[in-house]
N, C-alpha and C. Protein backbone atom coordinates (compact mmCIF):
# COMPACT_ATOMS: atom_id res chain seq x y z
N MET A 1 -15.55 15.21 -12.00
CA MET A 1 -16.04 14.16 -12.88
C MET A 1 -16.30 12.90 -12.06
N LYS A 2 -17.46 12.37 -12.22
CA LYS A 2 -17.77 11.07 -11.64
C LYS A 2 -17.09 9.99 -12.47
N THR A 3 -17.00 8.82 -11.91
CA THR A 3 -16.42 7.69 -12.64
C THR A 3 -17.35 7.32 -13.78
N GLN A 4 -16.77 7.15 -14.96
CA GLN A 4 -17.53 6.73 -16.14
C GLN A 4 -16.99 5.38 -16.60
N THR A 5 -17.91 4.53 -17.04
CA THR A 5 -17.48 3.27 -17.66
C THR A 5 -18.17 3.16 -19.01
N LYS A 6 -17.47 2.49 -19.93
CA LYS A 6 -18.06 2.29 -21.25
C LYS A 6 -17.46 1.05 -21.89
N VAL A 7 -18.12 0.60 -22.95
CA VAL A 7 -17.68 -0.55 -23.73
C VAL A 7 -17.19 -0.03 -25.08
N ASP A 8 -16.06 -0.54 -25.54
CA ASP A 8 -15.53 -0.20 -26.86
C ASP A 8 -15.06 -1.51 -27.49
N GLY A 9 -15.91 -2.12 -28.31
CA GLY A 9 -15.57 -3.42 -28.89
C GLY A 9 -15.45 -4.46 -27.80
N ASN A 10 -14.29 -5.10 -27.69
CA ASN A 10 -14.06 -6.09 -26.64
C ASN A 10 -13.40 -5.51 -25.41
N ASP A 11 -13.36 -4.18 -25.32
CA ASP A 11 -12.72 -3.50 -24.20
C ASP A 11 -13.75 -2.93 -23.24
N LEU A 12 -13.41 -2.95 -21.96
CA LEU A 12 -14.17 -2.26 -20.92
C LEU A 12 -13.28 -1.13 -20.43
N ILE A 13 -13.86 0.07 -20.31
CA ILE A 13 -13.07 1.26 -20.00
C ILE A 13 -13.68 1.98 -18.80
N LEU A 14 -12.80 2.41 -17.91
CA LEU A 14 -13.19 3.22 -16.77
C LEU A 14 -12.38 4.51 -16.83
N ILE A 15 -13.06 5.66 -16.65
CA ILE A 15 -12.40 6.96 -16.68
C ILE A 15 -12.83 7.73 -15.43
N ARG A 16 -11.84 8.35 -14.77
CA ARG A 16 -12.15 9.13 -13.57
C ARG A 16 -11.10 10.22 -13.40
N HIS A 17 -11.55 11.41 -13.04
CA HIS A 17 -10.62 12.47 -12.68
C HIS A 17 -10.28 12.28 -11.21
N ILE A 18 -8.98 12.32 -10.90
CA ILE A 18 -8.50 12.19 -9.52
C ILE A 18 -7.70 13.44 -9.19
N ALA A 19 -8.01 14.05 -8.07
CA ALA A 19 -7.35 15.30 -7.66
C ALA A 19 -6.01 14.99 -7.00
N ALA A 20 -5.12 14.42 -7.79
CA ALA A 20 -3.76 14.12 -7.35
C ALA A 20 -2.89 14.05 -8.61
N SER A 21 -1.61 14.10 -8.42
CA SER A 21 -0.68 14.10 -9.55
C SER A 21 -0.55 12.70 -10.16
N PRO A 22 -0.17 12.63 -11.44
CA PRO A 22 0.12 11.31 -12.02
C PRO A 22 1.17 10.55 -11.22
N GLU A 23 2.14 11.26 -10.66
CA GLU A 23 3.19 10.62 -9.86
C GLU A 23 2.62 9.95 -8.61
N ALA A 24 1.67 10.60 -7.96
CA ALA A 24 1.05 10.01 -6.76
C ALA A 24 0.26 8.75 -7.12
N ILE A 25 -0.44 8.79 -8.24
CA ILE A 25 -1.21 7.62 -8.68
C ILE A 25 -0.27 6.50 -9.10
N TRP A 26 0.79 6.84 -9.84
CA TRP A 26 1.79 5.85 -10.25
C TRP A 26 2.35 5.14 -9.01
N ASP A 27 2.69 5.93 -8.00
CA ASP A 27 3.26 5.37 -6.77
C ASP A 27 2.27 4.41 -6.10
N ALA A 28 1.00 4.78 -6.04
CA ALA A 28 -0.01 3.92 -5.42
C ALA A 28 -0.25 2.65 -6.24
N LEU A 29 0.00 2.72 -7.53
CA LEU A 29 -0.21 1.58 -8.43
C LEU A 29 1.00 0.66 -8.49
N THR A 30 2.19 1.17 -8.26
CA THR A 30 3.39 0.36 -8.44
C THR A 30 4.11 0.01 -7.14
N ASP A 31 3.64 0.50 -6.01
CA ASP A 31 4.18 0.12 -4.70
C ASP A 31 3.25 -0.96 -4.14
N ALA A 32 3.75 -2.17 -3.98
CA ALA A 32 2.91 -3.31 -3.60
C ALA A 32 2.15 -3.06 -2.29
N GLU A 33 2.78 -2.46 -1.31
CA GLU A 33 2.11 -2.22 -0.03
C GLU A 33 0.97 -1.22 -0.19
N LYS A 34 1.15 -0.23 -1.03
CA LYS A 34 0.07 0.74 -1.28
C LYS A 34 -1.04 0.10 -2.13
N LEU A 35 -0.65 -0.69 -3.13
CA LEU A 35 -1.63 -1.36 -3.98
C LEU A 35 -2.58 -2.22 -3.14
N LYS A 36 -2.05 -2.89 -2.13
CA LYS A 36 -2.86 -3.75 -1.25
C LYS A 36 -4.00 -2.97 -0.59
N GLN A 37 -3.82 -1.67 -0.42
CA GLN A 37 -4.80 -0.86 0.30
C GLN A 37 -6.01 -0.46 -0.53
N TRP A 38 -5.91 -0.54 -1.87
CA TRP A 38 -7.02 0.00 -2.67
C TRP A 38 -7.42 -0.85 -3.87
N PHE A 39 -6.64 -1.85 -4.28
CA PHE A 39 -6.82 -2.50 -5.56
C PHE A 39 -7.92 -3.56 -5.61
N VAL A 40 -8.61 -3.80 -4.52
CA VAL A 40 -9.73 -4.74 -4.49
C VAL A 40 -10.86 -4.10 -3.68
N PRO A 41 -12.13 -4.27 -4.12
CA PRO A 41 -13.23 -3.64 -3.37
C PRO A 41 -13.32 -4.18 -1.95
N LYS A 42 -13.33 -3.27 -0.99
CA LYS A 42 -13.51 -3.67 0.42
C LYS A 42 -14.90 -4.27 0.58
N PRO A 43 -15.11 -5.29 1.35
CA PRO A 43 -14.25 -5.80 2.41
C PRO A 43 -13.24 -6.86 1.97
N TRP A 44 -13.09 -7.11 0.68
CA TRP A 44 -12.04 -8.01 0.21
C TRP A 44 -10.69 -7.37 0.51
N THR A 45 -9.65 -8.18 0.59
CA THR A 45 -8.30 -7.69 0.84
C THR A 45 -7.32 -8.35 -0.12
N ILE A 46 -6.20 -7.71 -0.29
CA ILE A 46 -5.08 -8.31 -1.02
C ILE A 46 -4.08 -8.73 0.04
N THR A 47 -3.83 -10.02 0.12
CA THR A 47 -2.92 -10.54 1.14
C THR A 47 -1.49 -10.69 0.64
N GLU A 48 -1.31 -10.64 -0.68
CA GLU A 48 0.02 -10.78 -1.26
C GLU A 48 0.05 -9.95 -2.54
N ALA A 49 1.14 -9.22 -2.74
CA ALA A 49 1.29 -8.44 -3.97
C ALA A 49 2.77 -8.29 -4.30
N VAL A 50 3.07 -8.40 -5.57
CA VAL A 50 4.41 -8.14 -6.09
C VAL A 50 4.21 -7.34 -7.37
N ILE A 51 4.82 -6.17 -7.43
CA ILE A 51 4.73 -5.33 -8.61
C ILE A 51 6.15 -4.97 -9.02
N GLU A 52 6.51 -5.35 -10.23
CA GLU A 52 7.81 -5.01 -10.79
C GLU A 52 7.57 -4.16 -12.03
N PRO A 53 7.52 -2.82 -11.87
CA PRO A 53 7.13 -1.93 -12.97
C PRO A 53 8.20 -1.75 -14.04
N ARG A 54 8.40 -2.83 -14.79
CA ARG A 54 9.34 -2.83 -15.91
C ARG A 54 8.89 -3.92 -16.87
N PRO A 55 9.15 -3.79 -18.15
CA PRO A 55 8.76 -4.84 -19.09
C PRO A 55 9.31 -6.21 -18.66
N GLY A 56 8.43 -7.18 -18.62
CA GLY A 56 8.79 -8.52 -18.16
C GLY A 56 8.63 -8.73 -16.67
N GLY A 57 8.36 -7.65 -15.94
CA GLY A 57 8.21 -7.74 -14.48
C GLY A 57 6.91 -8.42 -14.08
N ARG A 58 6.87 -8.87 -12.84
CA ARG A 58 5.68 -9.54 -12.31
C ARG A 58 4.63 -8.53 -11.87
N PHE A 59 3.36 -8.92 -12.03
CA PHE A 59 2.22 -8.19 -11.47
C PHE A 59 1.36 -9.26 -10.80
N LEU A 60 1.59 -9.48 -9.53
CA LEU A 60 0.97 -10.59 -8.81
C LEU A 60 0.11 -10.05 -7.67
N THR A 61 -1.11 -10.58 -7.56
CA THR A 61 -1.98 -10.25 -6.42
C THR A 61 -2.73 -11.49 -5.97
N LYS A 62 -2.97 -11.56 -4.68
CA LYS A 62 -3.83 -12.60 -4.11
C LYS A 62 -4.95 -11.88 -3.38
N MET A 63 -6.18 -12.08 -3.86
CA MET A 63 -7.35 -11.42 -3.30
C MET A 63 -8.14 -12.43 -2.47
N VAL A 64 -8.52 -12.00 -1.26
CA VAL A 64 -9.25 -12.88 -0.34
C VAL A 64 -10.50 -12.15 0.15
N GLY A 65 -11.63 -12.88 0.16
CA GLY A 65 -12.89 -12.31 0.59
C GLY A 65 -13.02 -12.26 2.09
N PRO A 66 -14.02 -11.53 2.58
CA PRO A 66 -14.20 -11.33 4.02
C PRO A 66 -14.55 -12.63 4.76
N ASN A 67 -15.06 -13.62 4.05
CA ASN A 67 -15.39 -14.90 4.67
C ASN A 67 -14.42 -15.99 4.23
N GLY A 68 -13.23 -15.59 3.82
CA GLY A 68 -12.22 -16.55 3.41
C GLY A 68 -12.34 -17.00 1.96
N GLU A 69 -13.24 -16.38 1.18
CA GLU A 69 -13.35 -16.73 -0.22
C GLU A 69 -11.99 -16.56 -0.88
N ASN A 70 -11.64 -17.52 -1.72
CA ASN A 70 -10.39 -17.47 -2.49
C ASN A 70 -9.15 -17.78 -1.66
N GLU A 71 -9.31 -18.06 -0.38
CA GLU A 71 -8.18 -18.30 0.52
C GLU A 71 -7.32 -19.47 0.04
N ASP A 72 -7.97 -20.51 -0.48
CA ASP A 72 -7.24 -21.70 -0.91
C ASP A 72 -6.66 -21.60 -2.31
N CYS A 73 -6.98 -20.53 -3.00
CA CYS A 73 -6.47 -20.34 -4.37
C CYS A 73 -5.10 -19.66 -4.31
N GLY A 74 -4.31 -19.94 -5.28
CA GLY A 74 -3.02 -19.25 -5.37
C GLY A 74 -3.21 -17.84 -5.87
N PRO A 75 -2.15 -17.06 -5.87
CA PRO A 75 -2.24 -15.70 -6.38
C PRO A 75 -2.42 -15.69 -7.89
N SER A 76 -2.93 -14.58 -8.39
CA SER A 76 -3.06 -14.36 -9.82
C SER A 76 -1.81 -13.63 -10.28
N GLU A 77 -1.10 -14.21 -11.25
CA GLU A 77 0.14 -13.58 -11.70
C GLU A 77 0.04 -13.17 -13.14
N GLY A 78 0.47 -11.94 -13.39
CA GLY A 78 0.54 -11.41 -14.74
C GLY A 78 1.94 -10.91 -15.02
N CYS A 79 2.09 -10.31 -16.19
CA CYS A 79 3.38 -9.80 -16.64
C CYS A 79 3.22 -8.36 -17.11
N VAL A 80 4.09 -7.50 -16.64
CA VAL A 80 4.11 -6.11 -17.10
C VAL A 80 4.68 -6.09 -18.52
N LEU A 81 3.95 -5.45 -19.41
CA LEU A 81 4.39 -5.31 -20.80
C LEU A 81 5.04 -3.96 -21.06
N GLU A 82 4.47 -2.92 -20.44
CA GLU A 82 5.01 -1.55 -20.57
C GLU A 82 4.96 -0.90 -19.21
N ALA A 83 5.95 -0.06 -18.94
CA ALA A 83 5.96 0.75 -17.72
C ALA A 83 6.63 2.07 -18.05
N ASP A 84 5.83 3.10 -18.21
CA ASP A 84 6.31 4.42 -18.57
C ASP A 84 5.89 5.39 -17.47
N ALA A 85 6.71 5.45 -16.41
CA ALA A 85 6.38 6.27 -15.24
C ALA A 85 6.34 7.75 -15.63
N PRO A 86 5.41 8.51 -15.13
CA PRO A 86 4.25 8.13 -14.33
C PRO A 86 2.96 8.08 -15.15
N SER A 87 3.07 7.79 -16.44
CA SER A 87 1.90 7.98 -17.28
C SER A 87 1.20 6.72 -17.78
N ARG A 88 1.87 5.57 -17.79
CA ARG A 88 1.23 4.40 -18.40
C ARG A 88 1.88 3.12 -17.89
N ILE A 89 1.03 2.15 -17.55
CA ILE A 89 1.49 0.81 -17.23
C ILE A 89 0.53 -0.18 -17.89
N VAL A 90 1.08 -1.22 -18.48
CA VAL A 90 0.29 -2.24 -19.17
C VAL A 90 0.73 -3.60 -18.64
N TRP A 91 -0.24 -4.44 -18.29
CA TRP A 91 0.08 -5.81 -17.91
C TRP A 91 -0.98 -6.75 -18.43
N THR A 92 -0.62 -8.02 -18.49
CA THR A 92 -1.54 -9.04 -18.98
C THR A 92 -1.47 -10.27 -18.10
N ASP A 93 -2.59 -10.98 -18.03
CA ASP A 93 -2.58 -12.28 -17.34
C ASP A 93 -2.32 -13.42 -18.34
N ALA A 94 -2.06 -13.08 -19.60
CA ALA A 94 -1.70 -14.10 -20.59
C ALA A 94 -0.29 -14.62 -20.33
N LEU A 95 0.50 -13.81 -19.62
CA LEU A 95 1.88 -14.16 -19.30
C LEU A 95 2.13 -13.94 -17.82
N SER A 96 3.12 -14.62 -17.29
CA SER A 96 3.59 -14.33 -15.94
C SER A 96 4.95 -13.65 -16.07
N GLY A 97 5.54 -13.29 -14.95
CA GLY A 97 6.82 -12.59 -14.98
C GLY A 97 7.83 -13.30 -15.87
N GLY A 98 8.66 -12.52 -16.54
CA GLY A 98 9.65 -13.08 -17.45
C GLY A 98 9.06 -13.54 -18.77
N TYR A 99 7.83 -13.11 -19.06
CA TYR A 99 7.14 -13.43 -20.31
C TYR A 99 6.79 -14.91 -20.45
N ARG A 100 6.65 -15.61 -19.32
CA ARG A 100 6.27 -17.03 -19.37
C ARG A 100 4.77 -17.14 -19.62
N PRO A 101 4.34 -17.99 -20.58
CA PRO A 101 2.91 -18.13 -20.86
C PRO A 101 2.13 -18.66 -19.65
N ASN A 102 0.96 -18.09 -19.42
CA ASN A 102 0.02 -18.59 -18.41
C ASN A 102 -0.98 -19.52 -19.07
N GLU A 103 -1.61 -20.34 -18.27
CA GLU A 103 -2.52 -21.35 -18.79
C GLU A 103 -3.83 -20.79 -19.32
N THR A 104 -4.43 -19.84 -18.60
CA THR A 104 -5.76 -19.36 -18.99
C THR A 104 -5.79 -17.84 -19.06
N PRO A 105 -5.37 -17.26 -20.17
CA PRO A 105 -5.40 -15.80 -20.30
C PRO A 105 -6.83 -15.28 -20.35
N PHE A 106 -7.03 -14.09 -19.78
CA PHE A 106 -8.36 -13.49 -19.75
C PHE A 106 -8.35 -12.05 -20.27
N MET A 107 -7.32 -11.28 -19.88
CA MET A 107 -7.34 -9.86 -20.24
C MET A 107 -5.95 -9.24 -20.22
N THR A 108 -5.88 -8.07 -20.81
CA THR A 108 -4.74 -7.18 -20.70
C THR A 108 -5.28 -5.87 -20.14
N ALA A 109 -4.56 -5.29 -19.18
CA ALA A 109 -4.98 -4.03 -18.56
C ALA A 109 -4.03 -2.92 -18.97
N ILE A 110 -4.61 -1.78 -19.32
CA ILE A 110 -3.83 -0.58 -19.63
C ILE A 110 -4.31 0.52 -18.70
N MET A 111 -3.42 1.04 -17.87
CA MET A 111 -3.74 2.15 -16.98
C MET A 111 -2.94 3.36 -17.44
N THR A 112 -3.65 4.46 -17.68
CA THR A 112 -2.97 5.69 -18.07
C THR A 112 -3.32 6.79 -17.08
N MET A 113 -2.34 7.65 -16.84
CA MET A 113 -2.48 8.79 -15.95
C MET A 113 -2.02 10.02 -16.72
N GLU A 114 -2.98 10.92 -17.01
CA GLU A 114 -2.68 12.11 -17.81
C GLU A 114 -2.97 13.35 -16.97
N ALA A 115 -1.94 14.18 -16.77
CA ALA A 115 -2.13 15.43 -16.03
C ALA A 115 -3.28 16.19 -16.65
N ASP A 116 -4.18 16.70 -15.78
CA ASP A 116 -5.40 17.35 -16.25
C ASP A 116 -5.81 18.43 -15.25
N GLY A 117 -5.39 19.65 -15.52
CA GLY A 117 -5.77 20.76 -14.64
C GLY A 117 -5.25 20.54 -13.23
N ASN A 118 -6.17 20.41 -12.27
CA ASN A 118 -5.80 20.26 -10.87
C ASN A 118 -5.72 18.78 -10.46
N GLY A 119 -5.37 17.91 -11.37
CA GLY A 119 -5.28 16.50 -11.03
C GLY A 119 -4.87 15.67 -12.22
N THR A 120 -5.48 14.49 -12.29
CA THR A 120 -5.10 13.50 -13.30
C THR A 120 -6.34 12.85 -13.88
N LEU A 121 -6.33 12.67 -15.18
CA LEU A 121 -7.35 11.85 -15.83
C LEU A 121 -6.82 10.42 -15.81
N TYR A 122 -7.46 9.58 -15.01
CA TYR A 122 -7.06 8.18 -14.82
C TYR A 122 -7.98 7.32 -15.70
N THR A 123 -7.38 6.54 -16.57
CA THR A 123 -8.14 5.65 -17.44
C THR A 123 -7.65 4.24 -17.28
N ALA A 124 -8.57 3.33 -17.02
CA ALA A 124 -8.25 1.91 -16.91
C ALA A 124 -9.02 1.19 -18.02
N ARG A 125 -8.30 0.48 -18.86
CA ARG A 125 -8.91 -0.22 -19.99
C ARG A 125 -8.59 -1.70 -19.84
N ALA A 126 -9.61 -2.55 -19.88
CA ALA A 126 -9.45 -4.00 -19.84
C ALA A 126 -9.74 -4.55 -21.23
N LEU A 127 -8.73 -5.09 -21.88
CA LEU A 127 -8.86 -5.65 -23.22
C LEU A 127 -9.13 -7.15 -23.13
N HIS A 128 -10.10 -7.61 -23.90
CA HIS A 128 -10.48 -9.03 -23.91
C HIS A 128 -10.37 -9.60 -25.31
N ARG A 129 -10.09 -10.89 -25.39
CA ARG A 129 -9.91 -11.55 -26.68
C ARG A 129 -11.21 -11.67 -27.45
N THR A 130 -12.31 -11.96 -26.75
CA THR A 130 -13.59 -12.22 -27.42
C THR A 130 -14.71 -11.41 -26.78
N PRO A 131 -15.82 -11.26 -27.50
CA PRO A 131 -16.99 -10.61 -26.89
C PRO A 131 -17.48 -11.39 -25.66
N GLU A 132 -17.34 -12.71 -25.69
CA GLU A 132 -17.78 -13.53 -24.56
C GLU A 132 -16.94 -13.24 -23.31
N ASP A 133 -15.63 -13.08 -23.49
CA ASP A 133 -14.77 -12.74 -22.36
C ASP A 133 -15.13 -11.37 -21.81
N ARG A 134 -15.37 -10.40 -22.72
CA ARG A 134 -15.76 -9.06 -22.27
C ARG A 134 -17.07 -9.12 -21.49
N GLN A 135 -18.04 -9.88 -22.01
CA GLN A 135 -19.33 -10.00 -21.34
C GLN A 135 -19.18 -10.67 -19.97
N LYS A 136 -18.35 -11.69 -19.90
CA LYS A 136 -18.09 -12.36 -18.62
C LYS A 136 -17.55 -11.37 -17.60
N HIS A 137 -16.62 -10.50 -18.04
CA HIS A 137 -16.04 -9.51 -17.14
C HIS A 137 -17.10 -8.49 -16.71
N GLU A 138 -17.96 -8.11 -17.65
CA GLU A 138 -19.07 -7.21 -17.29
C GLU A 138 -19.95 -7.85 -16.22
N GLU A 139 -20.29 -9.12 -16.43
CA GLU A 139 -21.16 -9.84 -15.51
C GLU A 139 -20.49 -10.08 -14.16
N MET A 140 -19.16 -10.14 -14.15
CA MET A 140 -18.42 -10.28 -12.89
C MET A 140 -18.50 -8.98 -12.08
N GLY A 141 -18.95 -7.90 -12.70
CA GLY A 141 -19.10 -6.62 -12.01
C GLY A 141 -17.99 -5.62 -12.31
N PHE A 142 -17.52 -5.59 -13.55
CA PHE A 142 -16.45 -4.65 -13.92
C PHE A 142 -16.77 -3.23 -13.47
N ALA A 143 -17.92 -2.70 -13.89
CA ALA A 143 -18.23 -1.28 -13.61
C ALA A 143 -18.24 -1.01 -12.11
N GLU A 144 -18.91 -1.87 -11.36
CA GLU A 144 -18.98 -1.67 -9.91
C GLU A 144 -17.63 -1.91 -9.25
N GLY A 145 -16.98 -3.01 -9.58
CA GLY A 145 -15.71 -3.36 -8.93
C GLY A 145 -14.58 -2.40 -9.27
N TRP A 146 -14.36 -2.17 -10.55
CA TRP A 146 -13.29 -1.26 -10.94
C TRP A 146 -13.63 0.17 -10.56
N GLY A 147 -14.93 0.51 -10.55
CA GLY A 147 -15.35 1.83 -10.08
C GLY A 147 -15.05 2.01 -8.60
N THR A 148 -15.32 0.98 -7.81
CA THR A 148 -15.05 1.02 -6.37
C THR A 148 -13.56 1.18 -6.11
N VAL A 149 -12.73 0.43 -6.82
CA VAL A 149 -11.29 0.55 -6.56
C VAL A 149 -10.75 1.90 -7.04
N ALA A 150 -11.34 2.48 -8.08
CA ALA A 150 -10.93 3.82 -8.49
C ALA A 150 -11.28 4.84 -7.40
N GLU A 151 -12.43 4.66 -6.76
CA GLU A 151 -12.82 5.52 -5.63
C GLU A 151 -11.83 5.34 -4.47
N GLN A 152 -11.47 4.10 -4.19
CA GLN A 152 -10.53 3.82 -3.11
C GLN A 152 -9.15 4.41 -3.42
N LEU A 153 -8.72 4.31 -4.68
CA LEU A 153 -7.46 4.91 -5.10
C LEU A 153 -7.52 6.42 -4.90
N ALA A 154 -8.60 7.04 -5.36
CA ALA A 154 -8.74 8.50 -5.20
C ALA A 154 -8.69 8.90 -3.73
N ALA A 155 -9.41 8.17 -2.89
CA ALA A 155 -9.41 8.49 -1.46
C ALA A 155 -7.99 8.41 -0.87
N MET A 156 -7.22 7.46 -1.35
CA MET A 156 -5.86 7.30 -0.85
C MET A 156 -4.94 8.44 -1.29
N VAL A 157 -4.95 8.79 -2.57
CA VAL A 157 -4.00 9.76 -3.10
C VAL A 157 -4.46 11.20 -2.96
N GLU A 158 -5.74 11.44 -2.75
CA GLU A 158 -6.22 12.81 -2.58
C GLU A 158 -6.09 13.31 -1.16
N ARG A 159 -5.66 12.48 -0.23
CA ARG A 159 -5.50 12.92 1.16
C ARG A 159 -4.52 14.05 1.29
């Protein structure tokens, strides 16, 4: 299966079959050092990551472009709402770790990993408050960006 993306109301959805176990994908998603290797489209990099896969835990990343873009910005911090290893993790940027409110919420992410034959059906859903927020995320390159990182994740765990 190739990567598929679709719109469902205010949600953007990416679906991809990955020839690896849900446990391998969970590990790549919840181990900060592994997440740094695939969670942003290359040539961008993640220079800082903290993942605490438990309700109330931190989900923090700092993404930097190849020409230093975003270097002066602080990391983006979210809060894990659900962590059900190895099948589902949910986090939001509406909150930071410990359920502290953030200033400018944009989305909630739901990642599911469902065993499927010789691999896993990986689904990433980005929930937005308004159609305008969803459209902004589309225009930011959701399909291309999240599709690229799904490819990078697959390359990492299918080795």
